[in-house]
Amino acid sequence: MLLCLFYLYYTDNRVMIFDSPQPFRGLWGILSSLCAESEQIGAATLETMGRQREQIERSSGFLQESLQNTEQARQIMKEM
């Protein structure tokens, strides 16, 4: 038999331990809302990170182009 313990933390740092999910049945809606909100935050975070990745990749390309231009300018200066 698998025994799961459920912990309920109160704001005054008390902890109650239950051996069944019965006390949580009333909290199911709150927990579901928190899970949905966490999923939305995660999706938004991934979207933001995707945009940031694109910006970093573009910046890397600009840096490479700048280095090439600098090298060309150095070569031209050496030939003068």
N, C-alpha and C. Protein backbone atom coordinates (compact mmCIF):
# COMPACT_ATOMS: atom_id res chain seq x y z
N MET A 1 0.84 -1.18 0.00
CA MET A 1 0.00 0.00 0.00
C MET A 1 0.88 1.25 0.00
N LEU A 2 0.61 2.14 -0.92
CA LEU A 2 1.36 3.38 -1.03
C LEU A 2 0.67 4.45 -0.20
N LEU A 3 1.40 5.04 0.70
CA LEU A 3 0.84 6.09 1.55
C LEU A 3 1.38 7.43 1.09
N CYS A 4 0.48 8.30 0.71
CA CYS A 4 0.87 9.65 0.31
C CYS A 4 0.50 10.60 1.42
N LEU A 5 1.40 11.47 1.75
CA LEU A 5 1.12 12.48 2.76
C LEU A 5 0.94 13.81 2.07
N PHE A 6 -0.07 14.52 2.46
CA PHE A 6 -0.37 15.82 1.89
C PHE A 6 -0.10 16.87 2.95
N TYR A 7 0.59 17.90 2.58
CA TYR A 7 0.95 18.96 3.52
C TYR A 7 0.18 20.22 3.17
N LEU A 8 -0.34 20.87 4.18
CA LEU A 8 -1.02 22.13 3.98
C LEU A 8 -0.32 23.16 4.84
N TYR A 9 0.29 24.14 4.20
CA TYR A 9 1.04 25.17 4.91
C TYR A 9 0.14 26.38 5.13
N TYR A 10 0.16 26.86 6.32
CA TYR A 10 -0.59 28.06 6.66
C TYR A 10 0.35 29.25 6.68
N THR A 11 -0.22 30.44 6.65
CA THR A 11 0.61 31.64 6.59
C THR A 11 1.42 31.86 7.87
N ASP A 12 1.00 31.27 8.98
CA ASP A 12 1.76 31.45 10.22
C ASP A 12 2.77 30.31 10.42
N ASN A 13 3.12 29.63 9.33
CA ASN A 13 4.14 28.58 9.31
C ASN A 13 3.74 27.30 10.04
N ARG A 14 2.45 27.12 10.36
CA ARG A 14 2.01 25.83 10.89
C ARG A 14 1.90 24.86 9.73
N VAL A 15 2.07 23.59 10.02
CA VAL A 15 1.96 22.55 9.00
C VAL A 15 0.97 21.50 9.49
N MET A 16 0.03 21.15 8.61
CA MET A 16 -0.87 20.05 8.92
C MET A 16 -0.59 18.93 7.93
N ILE A 17 -0.59 17.70 8.41
CA ILE A 17 -0.31 16.55 7.56
C ILE A 17 -1.57 15.69 7.48
N PHE A 18 -1.95 15.33 6.26
CA PHE A 18 -3.13 14.49 6.04
C PHE A 18 -2.69 13.25 5.28
N ASP A 19 -3.36 12.12 5.54
CA ASP A 19 -3.00 10.89 4.83
C ASP A 19 -3.94 10.60 3.66
N SER A 20 -4.82 11.54 3.35
CA SER A 20 -5.70 11.38 2.19
C SER A 20 -5.97 12.77 1.61
N PRO A 21 -6.40 12.80 0.37
CA PRO A 21 -6.66 14.10 -0.25
C PRO A 21 -8.00 14.71 0.13
N GLN A 22 -8.78 14.08 1.00
CA GLN A 22 -10.12 14.57 1.35
C GLN A 22 -10.14 16.05 1.75
N PRO A 23 -9.24 16.50 2.64
CA PRO A 23 -9.31 17.91 3.01
C PRO A 23 -9.05 18.87 1.86
N PHE A 24 -8.49 18.36 0.77
CA PHE A 24 -8.13 19.22 -0.36
C PHE A 24 -9.23 19.30 -1.42
N ARG A 25 -10.27 18.54 -1.28
CA ARG A 25 -11.32 18.54 -2.31
C ARG A 25 -11.87 19.95 -2.54
N GLY A 26 -12.01 20.72 -1.49
CA GLY A 26 -12.51 22.08 -1.64
C GLY A 26 -11.50 23.01 -2.29
N LEU A 27 -10.26 22.62 -2.25
CA LEU A 27 -9.20 23.45 -2.83
C LEU A 27 -8.89 23.08 -4.27
N TRP A 28 -9.58 22.09 -4.80
CA TRP A 28 -9.27 21.60 -6.15
C TRP A 28 -9.36 22.72 -7.19
N GLY A 29 -10.37 23.56 -7.10
CA GLY A 29 -10.52 24.66 -8.05
C GLY A 29 -9.36 25.63 -7.96
N ILE A 30 -8.93 25.93 -6.74
CA ILE A 30 -7.79 26.83 -6.56
C ILE A 30 -6.53 26.21 -7.13
N LEU A 31 -6.33 24.92 -6.84
CA LEU A 31 -5.14 24.24 -7.37
C LEU A 31 -5.17 24.19 -8.88
N SER A 32 -6.34 23.93 -9.45
CA SER A 32 -6.46 23.89 -10.92
C SER A 32 -6.15 25.26 -11.51
N SER A 33 -6.64 26.31 -10.87
CA SER A 33 -6.36 27.67 -11.36
C SER A 33 -4.87 27.98 -11.29
N LEU A 34 -4.24 27.57 -10.19
CA LEU A 34 -2.80 27.81 -10.06
C LEU A 34 -2.01 27.05 -11.12
N CYS A 35 -2.44 25.82 -11.42
CA CYS A 35 -1.76 25.05 -12.46
C CYS A 35 -1.94 25.70 -13.83
N ALA A 36 -3.14 26.16 -14.11
CA ALA A 36 -3.40 26.83 -15.39
C ALA A 36 -2.59 28.11 -15.50
N GLU A 37 -2.53 28.86 -14.41
CA GLU A 37 -1.75 30.10 -14.42
C GLU A 37 -0.27 29.80 -14.61
N SER A 38 0.22 28.75 -13.95
CA SER A 38 1.63 28.36 -14.11
C SER A 38 1.91 27.96 -15.55
N GLU A 39 0.97 27.27 -16.17
CA GLU A 39 1.15 26.87 -17.57
C GLU A 39 1.20 28.10 -18.47
N GLN A 40 0.34 29.08 -18.22
CA GLN A 40 0.34 30.31 -19.02
C GLN A 40 1.65 31.08 -18.84
N ILE A 41 2.11 31.15 -17.60
CA ILE A 41 3.38 31.85 -17.33
C ILE A 41 4.52 31.13 -18.03
N GLY A 42 4.51 29.80 -17.98
CA GLY A 42 5.55 29.02 -18.65
C GLY A 42 5.54 29.24 -20.15
N ALA A 43 4.35 29.26 -20.75
CA ALA A 43 4.24 29.48 -22.19
C ALA A 43 4.73 30.88 -22.56
N ALA A 44 4.36 31.87 -21.76
CA ALA A 44 4.80 33.24 -22.02
C ALA A 44 6.32 33.34 -21.88
N THR A 45 6.87 32.65 -20.89
CA THR A 45 8.32 32.66 -20.68
C THR A 45 9.03 32.04 -21.87
N LEU A 46 8.52 30.90 -22.35
CA LEU A 46 9.12 30.26 -23.52
C LEU A 46 9.06 31.16 -24.74
N GLU A 47 7.94 31.87 -24.91
CA GLU A 47 7.81 32.79 -26.05
C GLU A 47 8.83 33.92 -25.94
N THR A 48 8.98 34.47 -24.75
CA THR A 48 9.95 35.54 -24.53
C THR A 48 11.36 35.04 -24.79
N MET A 49 11.66 33.84 -24.30
CA MET A 49 13.01 33.28 -24.51
C MET A 49 13.27 33.02 -25.99
N GLY A 50 12.23 32.64 -26.73
CA GLY A 50 12.38 32.44 -28.17
C GLY A 50 12.74 33.74 -28.88
N ARG A 51 12.05 34.83 -28.48
CA ARG A 51 12.37 36.14 -29.07
C ARG A 51 13.79 36.56 -28.70
N GLN A 52 14.17 36.33 -27.46
CA GLN A 52 15.52 36.69 -27.03
C GLN A 52 16.57 35.88 -27.80
N ARG A 53 16.27 34.62 -28.06
CA ARG A 53 17.21 33.79 -28.84
C ARG A 53 17.39 34.37 -30.24
N GLU A 54 16.27 34.77 -30.86
CA GLU A 54 16.36 35.38 -32.19
C GLU A 54 17.20 36.65 -32.15
N GLN A 55 17.01 37.47 -31.12
CA GLN A 55 17.80 38.70 -30.99
C GLN A 55 19.28 38.39 -30.83
N ILE A 56 19.59 37.39 -30.03
CA ILE A 56 20.99 37.01 -29.82
C ILE A 56 21.60 36.49 -31.11
N GLU A 57 20.84 35.69 -31.86
CA GLU A 57 21.35 35.18 -33.14
C GLU A 57 21.59 36.31 -34.12
N ARG A 58 20.66 37.28 -34.17
CA ARG A 58 20.86 38.44 -35.06
C ARG A 58 22.07 39.24 -34.62
N SER A 59 22.21 39.44 -33.33
CA SER A 59 23.36 40.19 -32.81
C SER A 59 24.66 39.48 -33.15
N SER A 60 24.65 38.18 -33.08
CA SER A 60 25.84 37.41 -33.42
C SER A 60 26.21 37.62 -34.89
N GLY A 61 25.19 37.64 -35.74
CA GLY A 61 25.43 37.89 -37.16
C GLY A 61 25.99 39.28 -37.39
N PHE A 62 25.43 40.27 -36.69
CA PHE A 62 25.94 41.64 -36.81
C PHE A 62 27.39 41.73 -36.34
N LEU A 63 27.70 41.01 -35.27
CA LEU A 63 29.07 41.00 -34.76
C LEU A 63 30.02 40.41 -35.78
N GLN A 64 29.64 39.32 -36.40
CA GLN A 64 30.50 38.69 -37.41
C GLN A 64 30.71 39.64 -38.59
N GLU A 65 29.64 40.31 -39.00
CA GLU A 65 29.75 41.27 -40.10
C GLU A 65 30.68 42.42 -39.71
N SER A 66 30.56 42.89 -38.49
CA SER A 66 31.41 43.97 -38.00
C SER A 66 32.88 43.54 -37.98
N LEU A 67 33.13 42.33 -37.54
CA LEU A 67 34.51 41.83 -37.52
C LEU A 67 35.09 41.73 -38.92
N GLN A 68 34.26 41.30 -39.87
CA GLN A 68 34.72 41.23 -41.26
C GLN A 68 35.03 42.62 -41.79
N ASN A 69 34.15 43.58 -41.50
CA ASN A 69 34.38 44.96 -41.96
C ASN A 69 35.65 45.53 -41.34
N THR A 70 35.87 45.22 -40.07
CA THR A 70 37.07 45.70 -39.39
C THR A 70 38.32 45.10 -40.03
N GLU A 71 38.25 43.83 -40.35
CA GLU A 71 39.40 43.17 -41.00
C GLU A 71 39.66 43.77 -42.37
N GLN A 72 38.59 44.05 -43.13
CA GLN A 72 38.75 44.69 -44.44
C GLN A 72 39.39 46.07 -44.29
N ALA A 73 38.93 46.84 -43.31
CA ALA A 73 39.47 48.16 -43.09
C ALA A 73 40.94 48.07 -42.70
N ARG A 74 41.28 47.08 -41.91
CA ARG A 74 42.69 46.90 -41.50
C ARG A 74 43.56 46.61 -42.72
N GLN A 75 43.05 45.76 -43.59
CA GLN A 75 43.80 45.41 -44.82
C GLN A 75 43.97 46.64 -45.70
N ILE A 76 42.93 47.44 -45.83
CA ILE A 76 43.01 48.66 -46.66
C ILE A 76 44.02 49.63 -46.06
N MET A 77 44.01 49.78 -44.74
CA MET A 77 44.95 50.69 -44.08
C MET A 77 46.39 50.20 -44.26
N LYS A 78 46.60 48.88 -44.24
CA LYS A 78 47.95 48.35 -44.42
C LYS A 78 48.46 48.63 -45.83
N GLU A 79 47.55 48.63 -46.80
CA GLU A 79 47.95 48.84 -48.18
C GLU A 79 48.23 50.32 -48.48
N MET A 80 47.77 51.21 -47.64
CA MET A 80 47.96 52.64 -47.91
C MET A 80 49.37 53.06 -47.66
